[in-house]
């Protein structure tokens, strides 16, 4: 099932990621920077959605409640 989010929407992390998620610096990057882990209990604000790549699971740029900004895949997020 494809999830869709909107810019400005508050989302959470899918409960399957019980250790949280690591945010990447760009949509196509496979490497996360140190300090970019977001715990699974935090809320995130959707800042940007990249629909030009990976159309089945588009990258989403988020801002965490700890002030960390980065990219993750939409499948790692859930609506709240």
PDB file of N, CA and C in Angstrom:
ATOM      1  N   UNK A   1       0.838  -1.177   0.000  1.00  0.00           N
ATOM      2  CA  UNK A   1       0.000   0.000   0.000  1.00  0.00           C
ATOM      3  C   UNK A   1       0.888   1.248   0.000  1.00  0.00           C
ATOM      4  N   UNK A   2       0.643   2.156  -0.885  1.00  0.00           N
ATOM      5  CA  UNK A   2       1.421   3.390  -0.949  1.00  0.00           C
ATOM      6  C   UNK A   2       0.827   4.413   0.016  1.00  0.00           C
ATOM      7  N   UNK A   3       1.671   4.954   0.849  1.00  0.00           N
ATOM      8  CA  UNK A   3       1.229   5.978   1.784  1.00  0.00           C
ATOM      9  C   UNK A   3       1.450   7.331   1.148  1.00  0.00           C
ATOM     10  N   UNK A   4       0.561   8.239   1.402  1.00  0.00           N
ATOM     11  CA  UNK A   4       0.765   9.588   0.879  1.00  0.00           C
ATOM     12  C   UNK A   4       0.706  10.582   2.030  1.00  0.00           C
ATOM     13  N   UNK A   5       1.630  11.486   1.999  1.00  0.00           N
ATOM     14  CA  UNK A   5       1.702  12.522   3.014  1.00  0.00           C
ATOM     15  C   UNK A   5       1.671  13.869   2.314  1.00  0.00           C
ATOM     16  N   UNK A   6       1.375  14.900   3.067  1.00  0.00           N
ATOM     17  CA  UNK A   6       1.361  16.250   2.527  1.00  0.00           C
ATOM     18  C   UNK A   6       2.391  17.096   3.264  1.00  0.00           C
ATOM     19  N   UNK A   7       2.934  18.079   2.579  1.00  0.00           N
ATOM     20  CA  UNK A   7       3.869  19.011   3.204  1.00  0.00           C
ATOM     21  C   UNK A   7       3.154  19.719   4.346  1.00  0.00           C
ATOM     22  N   UNK A   8       3.806  19.802   5.488  1.00  0.00           N
ATOM     23  CA  UNK A   8       3.218  20.427   6.667  1.00  0.00           C
ATOM     24  C   UNK A   8       2.493  19.451   7.576  1.00  0.00           C
ATOM     25  N   UNK A   9       2.373  18.208   7.166  1.00  0.00           N
ATOM     26  CA  UNK A   9       1.675  17.199   7.960  1.00  0.00           C
ATOM     27  C   UNK A   9       2.583  16.674   9.074  1.00  0.00           C
ATOM     28  N   UNK A  10       2.002  16.419  10.233  1.00  0.00           N
ATOM     29  CA  UNK A  10       2.713  15.805  11.358  1.00  0.00           C
ATOM     30  C   UNK A  10       2.558  14.289  11.212  1.00  0.00           C
ATOM     31  N   UNK A  11       3.682  13.574  11.267  1.00  0.00           N
ATOM     32  CA  UNK A  11       3.670  12.122  11.126  1.00  0.00           C
ATOM     33  C   UNK A  11       4.497  11.491  12.240  1.00  0.00           C
ATOM     34  N   UNK A  12       4.349  10.191  12.382  1.00  0.00           N
ATOM     35  CA  UNK A  12       5.149   9.431  13.330  1.00  0.00           C
ATOM     36  C   UNK A  12       5.963   8.388  12.591  1.00  0.00           C
ATOM     37  N   UNK A  13       6.749   7.640  13.324  1.00  0.00           N
ATOM     38  CA  UNK A  13       7.568   6.579  12.751  1.00  0.00           C
ATOM     39  C   UNK A  13       6.818   5.262  12.866  1.00  0.00           C
ATOM     40  N   UNK A  14       6.853   4.487  11.798  1.00  0.00           N
ATOM     41  CA  UNK A  14       6.207   3.179  11.781  1.00  0.00           C
ATOM     42  C   UNK A  14       6.675   2.376  12.991  1.00  0.00           C
ATOM     43  N   UNK A  15       5.750   1.743  13.733  1.00  0.00           N
ATOM     44  CA  UNK A  15       6.128   1.005  14.944  1.00  0.00           C
ATOM     45  C   UNK A  15       7.101  -0.148  14.690  1.00  0.00           C
ATOM     46  N   UNK A  16       7.224  -0.615  13.450  1.00  0.00           N
ATOM     47  CA  UNK A  16       8.160  -1.681  13.127  1.00  0.00           C
ATOM     48  C   UNK A  16       9.619  -1.255  13.277  1.00  0.00           C
ATOM     49  N   UNK A  17       9.862   0.044  13.325  1.00  0.00           N
ATOM     50  CA  UNK A  17      11.220   0.574  13.497  1.00  0.00           C
ATOM     51  C   UNK A  17      11.408   0.942  14.971  1.00  0.00           C
ATOM     52  N   UNK A  18      11.473  -0.076  15.827  1.00  0.00           N
ATOM     53  CA  UNK A  18      11.489   0.170  17.267  1.00  0.00           C
ATOM     54  C   UNK A  18      12.769   0.841  17.751  1.00  0.00           C
ATOM     55  N   UNK A  19      13.818   0.878  16.923  1.00  0.00           N
ATOM     56  CA  UNK A  19      15.048   1.585  17.293  1.00  0.00           C
ATOM     57  C   UNK A  19      15.074   2.976  16.668  1.00  0.00           C
ATOM     58  N   UNK A  20      13.972   3.379  16.058  1.00  0.00           N
ATOM     59  CA  UNK A  20      13.924   4.669  15.387  1.00  0.00           C
ATOM     60  C   UNK A  20      14.441   4.558  13.964  1.00  0.00           C
ATOM     61  N   UNK A  21      14.645   5.702  13.333  1.00  0.00           N
ATOM     62  CA  UNK A  21      15.150   5.729  11.963  1.00  0.00           C
ATOM     63  C   UNK A  21      16.325   6.699  11.876  1.00  0.00           C
ATOM     64  N   UNK A  22      17.153   6.499  10.861  1.00  0.00           N
ATOM     65  CA  UNK A  22      18.285   7.379  10.594  1.00  0.00           C
ATOM     66  C   UNK A  22      17.924   8.236   9.396  1.00  0.00           C
ATOM     67  N   UNK A  23      18.077   9.542   9.509  1.00  0.00           N
ATOM     68  CA  UNK A  23      17.771  10.448   8.415  1.00  0.00           C
ATOM     69  C   UNK A  23      19.011  10.686   7.566  1.00  0.00           C
ATOM     70  N   UNK A  24      18.800  10.756   6.255  1.00  0.00           N
ATOM     71  CA  UNK A  24      19.893  10.967   5.306  1.00  0.00           C
ATOM     72  C   UNK A  24      19.942  12.435   4.901  1.00  0.00           C
ATOM     73  N   UNK A  25      21.103  12.873   4.386  1.00  0.00           N
ATOM     74  CA  UNK A  25      21.284  14.280   4.017  1.00  0.00           C
ATOM     75  C   UNK A  25      20.676  14.629   2.658  1.00  0.00           C
ATOM     76  N   UNK A  26      20.447  13.629   1.805  1.00  0.00           N
ATOM     77  CA  UNK A  26      19.822  13.876   0.503  1.00  0.00           C
ATOM     78  C   UNK A  26      18.926  12.695   0.160  1.00  0.00           C
ATOM     79  N   UNK A  27      17.975  12.896  -0.751  1.00  0.00           N
ATOM     80  CA  UNK A  27      17.045  11.808  -1.072  1.00  0.00           C
ATOM     81  C   UNK A  27      17.723  10.564  -1.637  1.00  0.00           C
ATOM     82  N   UNK A  28      18.823  10.742  -2.363  1.00  0.00           N
ATOM     83  CA  UNK A  28      19.477   9.600  -2.998  1.00  0.00           C
ATOM     84  C   UNK A  28      20.644   9.040  -2.191  1.00  0.00           C
ATOM     85  N   UNK A  29      20.938   9.626  -1.059  1.00  0.00           N
ATOM     86  CA  UNK A  29      22.055   9.172  -0.230  1.00  0.00           C
ATOM     87  C   UNK A  29      21.703   7.874   0.486  1.00  0.00           C
ATOM     88  N   UNK A  30      22.677   6.991   0.630  1.00  0.00           N
ATOM     89  CA  UNK A  30      22.491   5.760   1.392  1.00  0.00           C
ATOM     90  C   UNK A  30      23.152   5.844   2.750  1.00  0.00           C
ATOM     91  N   UNK A  31      23.816   6.954   3.020  1.00  0.00           N
ATOM     92  CA  UNK A  31      24.567   7.109   4.263  1.00  0.00           C
ATOM     93  C   UNK A  31      23.920   8.188   5.128  1.00  0.00           C
ATOM     94  N   UNK A  32      23.750   7.873   6.396  1.00  0.00           N
ATOM     95  CA  UNK A  32      23.199   8.826   7.353  1.00  0.00           C
ATOM     96  C   UNK A  32      24.333   9.455   8.134  1.00  0.00           C
ATOM     97  N   UNK A  33      24.171  10.713   8.466  1.00  0.00           N
ATOM     98  CA  UNK A  33      25.206  11.382   9.245  1.00  0.00           C
ATOM     99  C   UNK A  33      25.045  11.063  10.726  1.00  0.00           C
ATOM    100  N   UNK A  34      26.147  11.196  11.452  1.00  0.00           N
ATOM    101  CA  UNK A  34      26.113  10.956  12.890  1.00  0.00           C
ATOM    102  C   UNK A  34      25.152  11.941  13.544  1.00  0.00           C
ATOM    103  N   UNK A  35      24.386  11.467  14.474  1.00  0.00           N
ATOM    104  CA  UNK A  35      23.440  12.331  15.175  1.00  0.00           C
ATOM    105  C   UNK A  35      22.120  12.509  14.451  1.00  0.00           C
ATOM    106  N   UNK A  36      21.878  11.717  13.401  1.00  0.00           N
ATOM    107  CA  UNK A  36      20.636  11.890  12.655  1.00  0.00           C
ATOM    108  C   UNK A  36      19.594  10.831  12.994  1.00  0.00           C
ATOM    109  N   UNK A  37      19.790  10.121  14.095  1.00  0.00           N
ATOM    110  CA  UNK A  37      18.816   9.122  14.520  1.00  0.00           C
ATOM    111  C   UNK A  37      17.621   9.813  15.173  1.00  0.00           C
ATOM    112  N   UNK A  38      16.428   9.346  14.818  1.00  0.00           N
ATOM    113  CA  UNK A  38      15.190   9.869  15.410  1.00  0.00           C
ATOM    114  C   UNK A  38      14.517   8.701  16.126  1.00  0.00           C
ATOM    115  N   UNK A  39      14.293   8.814  17.441  1.00  0.00           N
ATOM    116  CA  UNK A  39      13.642   7.726  18.190  1.00  0.00           C
ATOM    117  C   UNK A  39      12.233   7.462  17.664  1.00  0.00           C
ATOM    118  N   UNK A  40      11.772   6.230  17.813  1.00  0.00           N
ATOM    119  CA  UNK A  40      10.478   5.852  17.249  1.00  0.00           C
ATOM    120  C   UNK A  40       9.291   6.520  17.934  1.00  0.00           C
ATOM    121  N   UNK A  41       9.479   7.142  19.060  1.00  0.00           N
ATOM    122  CA  UNK A  41       8.360   7.784  19.761  1.00  0.00           C
ATOM    123  C   UNK A  41       8.221   9.272  19.416  1.00  0.00           C
ATOM    124  N   UNK A  42       9.108   9.779  18.571  1.00  0.00           N
ATOM    125  CA  UNK A  42       9.062  11.205  18.230  1.00  0.00           C
ATOM    126  C   UNK A  42       8.105  11.509  17.094  1.00  0.00           C
ATOM    127  N   UNK A  43       7.716  12.758  17.000  1.00  0.00           N
ATOM    128  CA  UNK A  43       6.889  13.228  15.900  1.00  0.00           C
ATOM    129  C   UNK A  43       7.760  13.970  14.900  1.00  0.00           C
ATOM    130  N   UNK A  44       7.321  13.975  13.650  1.00  0.00           N
ATOM    131  CA  UNK A  44       8.062  14.605  12.572  1.00  0.00           C
ATOM    132  C   UNK A  44       7.127  15.489  11.763  1.00  0.00           C
ATOM    133  N   UNK A  45       7.682  16.530  11.190  1.00  0.00           N
ATOM    134  CA  UNK A  45       6.942  17.426  10.308  1.00  0.00           C
ATOM    135  C   UNK A  45       7.440  17.188   8.887  1.00  0.00           C
ATOM    136  N   UNK A  46       6.527  16.924   7.956  1.00  0.00           N
ATOM    137  CA  UNK A  46       6.905  16.719   6.559  1.00  0.00           C
ATOM    138  C   UNK A  46       7.254  18.071   5.947  1.00  0.00           C
ATOM    139  N   UNK A  47       8.492  18.196   5.443  1.00  0.00           N
ATOM    140  CA  UNK A  47       8.999  19.447   4.894  1.00  0.00           C
ATOM    141  C   UNK A  47       8.991  19.428   3.361  1.00  0.00           C
ATOM    142  N   UNK A  48       9.306  18.268   2.789  1.00  0.00           N
ATOM    143  CA  UNK A  48       9.408  18.154   1.328  1.00  0.00           C
ATOM    144  C   UNK A  48       9.183  16.700   0.935  1.00  0.00           C
ATOM    145  N   UNK A  49       8.632  16.485  -0.248  1.00  0.00           N
ATOM    146  CA  UNK A  49       8.432  15.139  -0.773  1.00  0.00           C
ATOM    147  C   UNK A  49       9.043  15.095  -2.164  1.00  0.00           C
ATOM    148  N   UNK A  50       9.932  14.142  -2.386  1.00  0.00           N
ATOM    149  CA  UNK A  50      10.586  14.002  -3.679  1.00  0.00           C
ATOM    150  C   UNK A  50       9.847  12.940  -4.481  1.00  0.00           C
ATOM    151  N   UNK A  51       9.040  13.368  -5.417  1.00  0.00           N
ATOM    152  CA  UNK A  51       8.273  12.422  -6.234  1.00  0.00           C
ATOM    153  C   UNK A  51       8.968  12.119  -7.553  1.00  0.00           C
ATOM    154  N   UNK A  52      10.182  12.628  -7.754  1.00  0.00           N
ATOM    155  CA  UNK A  52      10.894  12.380  -9.001  1.00  0.00           C
ATOM    156  C   UNK A  52      11.679  11.076  -8.968  1.00  0.00           C
ATOM    157  N   UNK A  53      11.894  10.502  -7.794  1.00  0.00           N
ATOM    158  CA  UNK A  53      12.659   9.266  -7.650  1.00  0.00           C
ATOM    159  C   UNK A  53      11.861   8.263  -6.834  1.00  0.00           C
ATOM    160  N   UNK A  54      12.169   6.985  -7.018  1.00  0.00           N
ATOM    161  CA  UNK A  54      11.608   5.921  -6.191  1.00  0.00           C
ATOM    162  C   UNK A  54      10.097   6.065  -6.015  1.00  0.00           C
ATOM    163  N   UNK A  55       9.370   6.111  -7.090  1.00  0.00           N
ATOM    164  CA  UNK A  55       7.948   6.422  -7.031  1.00  0.00           C
ATOM    165  C   UNK A  55       7.122   5.470  -6.165  1.00  0.00           C
ATOM    166  N   UNK A  56       7.565   4.239  -5.966  1.00  0.00           N
ATOM    167  CA  UNK A  56       6.827   3.325  -5.102  1.00  0.00           C
ATOM    168  C   UNK A  56       6.994   3.670  -3.630  1.00  0.00           C
ATOM    169  N   UNK A  57       8.099   4.303  -3.297  1.00  0.00           N
ATOM    170  CA  UNK A  57       8.398   4.665  -1.907  1.00  0.00           C
ATOM    171  C   UNK A  57       9.148   5.991  -1.905  1.00  0.00           C
ATOM    172  N   UNK A  58       8.449   7.086  -2.174  1.00  0.00           N
ATOM    173  CA  UNK A  58       9.141   8.367  -2.347  1.00  0.00           C
ATOM    174  C   UNK A  58       9.862   8.844  -1.090  1.00  0.00           C
ATOM    175  N   UNK A  59      11.040   9.444  -1.276  1.00  0.00           N
ATOM    176  CA  UNK A  59      11.745  10.035  -0.147  1.00  0.00           C
ATOM    177  C   UNK A  59      10.978  11.244   0.400  1.00  0.00           C
ATOM    178  N   UNK A  60      11.002  11.369   1.704  1.00  0.00           N
ATOM    179  CA  UNK A  60      10.304  12.456   2.383  1.00  0.00           C
ATOM    180  C   UNK A  60      11.310  13.161   3.291  1.00  0.00           C
ATOM    181  N   UNK A  61      11.399  14.477   3.163  1.00  0.00           N
ATOM    182  CA  UNK A  61      12.267  15.258   4.053  1.00  0.00           C
ATOM    183  C   UNK A  61      11.435  15.667   5.254  1.00  0.00           C
ATOM    184  N   UNK A  62      11.978  15.412   6.438  1.00  0.00           N
ATOM    185  CA  UNK A  62      11.240  15.678   7.671  1.00  0.00           C
ATOM    186  C   UNK A  62      12.086  16.484   8.652  1.00  0.00           C
ATOM    187  N   UNK A  63      11.396  17.122   9.564  1.00  0.00           N
ATOM    188  CA  UNK A  63      12.002  17.828  10.694  1.00  0.00           C
ATOM    189  C   UNK A  63      11.502  17.125  11.939  1.00  0.00           C
ATOM    190  N   UNK A  64      12.435  16.621  12.753  1.00  0.00           N
ATOM    191  CA  UNK A  64      12.026  15.901  13.966  1.00  0.00           C
ATOM    192  C   UNK A  64      11.753  16.880  15.099  1.00  0.00           C
ATOM    193  N   UNK A  65      11.109  16.389  16.129  1.00  0.00           N
ATOM    194  CA  UNK A  65      10.827  17.227  17.294  1.00  0.00           C
ATOM    195  C   UNK A  65      12.105  17.556  18.067  1.00  0.00           C
ATOM    196  N   UNK A  66      13.245  16.934  17.702  1.00  0.00           N
ATOM    197  CA  UNK A  66      14.548  17.259  18.302  1.00  0.00           C
ATOM    198  C   UNK A  66      15.337  18.226  17.438  1.00  0.00           C
ATOM    199  N   UNK A  67      14.756  18.664  16.317  1.00  0.00           N
ATOM    200  CA  UNK A  67      15.418  19.622  15.448  1.00  0.00           C
ATOM    201  C   UNK A  67      16.288  19.004  14.371  1.00  0.00           C
ATOM    202  N   UNK A  68      16.264  17.680  14.221  1.00  0.00           N
ATOM    203  CA  UNK A  68      17.045  17.000  13.189  1.00  0.00           C
ATOM    204  C   UNK A  68      16.258  17.036  11.881  1.00  0.00           C
ATOM    205  N   UNK A  69      16.929  17.443  10.797  1.00  0.00           N
ATOM    206  CA  UNK A  69      16.300  17.501   9.481  1.00  0.00           C
ATOM    207  C   UNK A  69      16.987  16.497   8.576  1.00  0.00           C
ATOM    208  N   UNK A  70      16.213  15.760   7.799  1.00  0.00           N
ATOM    209  CA  UNK A  70      16.796  14.807   6.864  1.00  0.00           C
ATOM    210  C   UNK A  70      15.734  14.050   6.100  1.00  0.00           C
ATOM    211  N   UNK A  71      16.210  13.144   5.264  1.00  0.00           N
ATOM    212  CA  UNK A  71      15.349  12.374   4.369  1.00  0.00           C
ATOM    213  C   UNK A  71      15.156  10.947   4.869  1.00  0.00           C
ATOM    214  N   UNK A  72      13.966  10.420   4.679  1.00  0.00           N
ATOM    215  CA  UNK A  72      13.659   9.025   4.943  1.00  0.00           C
ATOM    216  C   UNK A  72      12.700   8.564   3.856  1.00  0.00           C
ATOM    217  N   UNK A  73      12.309   7.317   3.882  1.00  0.00           N
ATOM    218  CA  UNK A  73      11.344   6.812   2.914  1.00  0.00           C
ATOM    219  C   UNK A  73       9.946   6.885   3.501  1.00  0.00           C
ATOM    220  N   UNK A  74       8.956   7.135   2.665  1.00  0.00           N
ATOM    221  CA  UNK A  74       7.587   7.284   3.145  1.00  0.00           C
ATOM    222  C   UNK A  74       7.090   6.020   3.855  1.00  0.00           C
ATOM    223  N   UNK A  75       7.591   4.854   3.465  1.00  0.00           N
ATOM    224  CA  UNK A  75       7.151   3.602   4.095  1.00  0.00           C
ATOM    225  C   UNK A  75       7.577   3.494   5.555  1.00  0.00           C
ATOM    226  N   UNK A  76       8.514   4.322   5.991  1.00  0.00           N
ATOM    227  CA  UNK A  76       8.970   4.289   7.383  1.00  0.00           C
ATOM    228  C   UNK A  76       8.147   5.204   8.276  1.00  0.00           C
ATOM    229  N   UNK A  77       7.185   5.883   7.689  1.00  0.00           N
ATOM    230  CA  UNK A  77       6.378   6.845   8.435  1.00  0.00           C
ATOM    231  C   UNK A  77       4.936   6.369   8.527  1.00  0.00           C
ATOM    232  N   UNK A  78       4.206   6.926   9.481  1.00  0.00           N
ATOM    233  CA  UNK A  78       2.776   6.628   9.641  1.00  0.00           C
ATOM    234  C   UNK A  78       2.035   7.915   9.922  1.00  0.00           C
ATOM    235  N   UNK A  79       0.791   7.933   9.555  1.00  0.00           N
ATOM    236  CA  UNK A  79      -0.057   9.083   9.867  1.00  0.00           C
ATOM    237  C   UNK A  79      -0.397   9.052  11.354  1.00  0.00           C
ATOM    238  N   UNK A  80      -0.531  10.237  11.948  1.00  0.00           N
ATOM    239  CA  UNK A  80      -0.924  10.310  13.361  1.00  0.00           C
ATOM    240  C   UNK A  80      -2.268  10.988  13.481  1.00  0.00           C
TER     241      UNK A  80
END
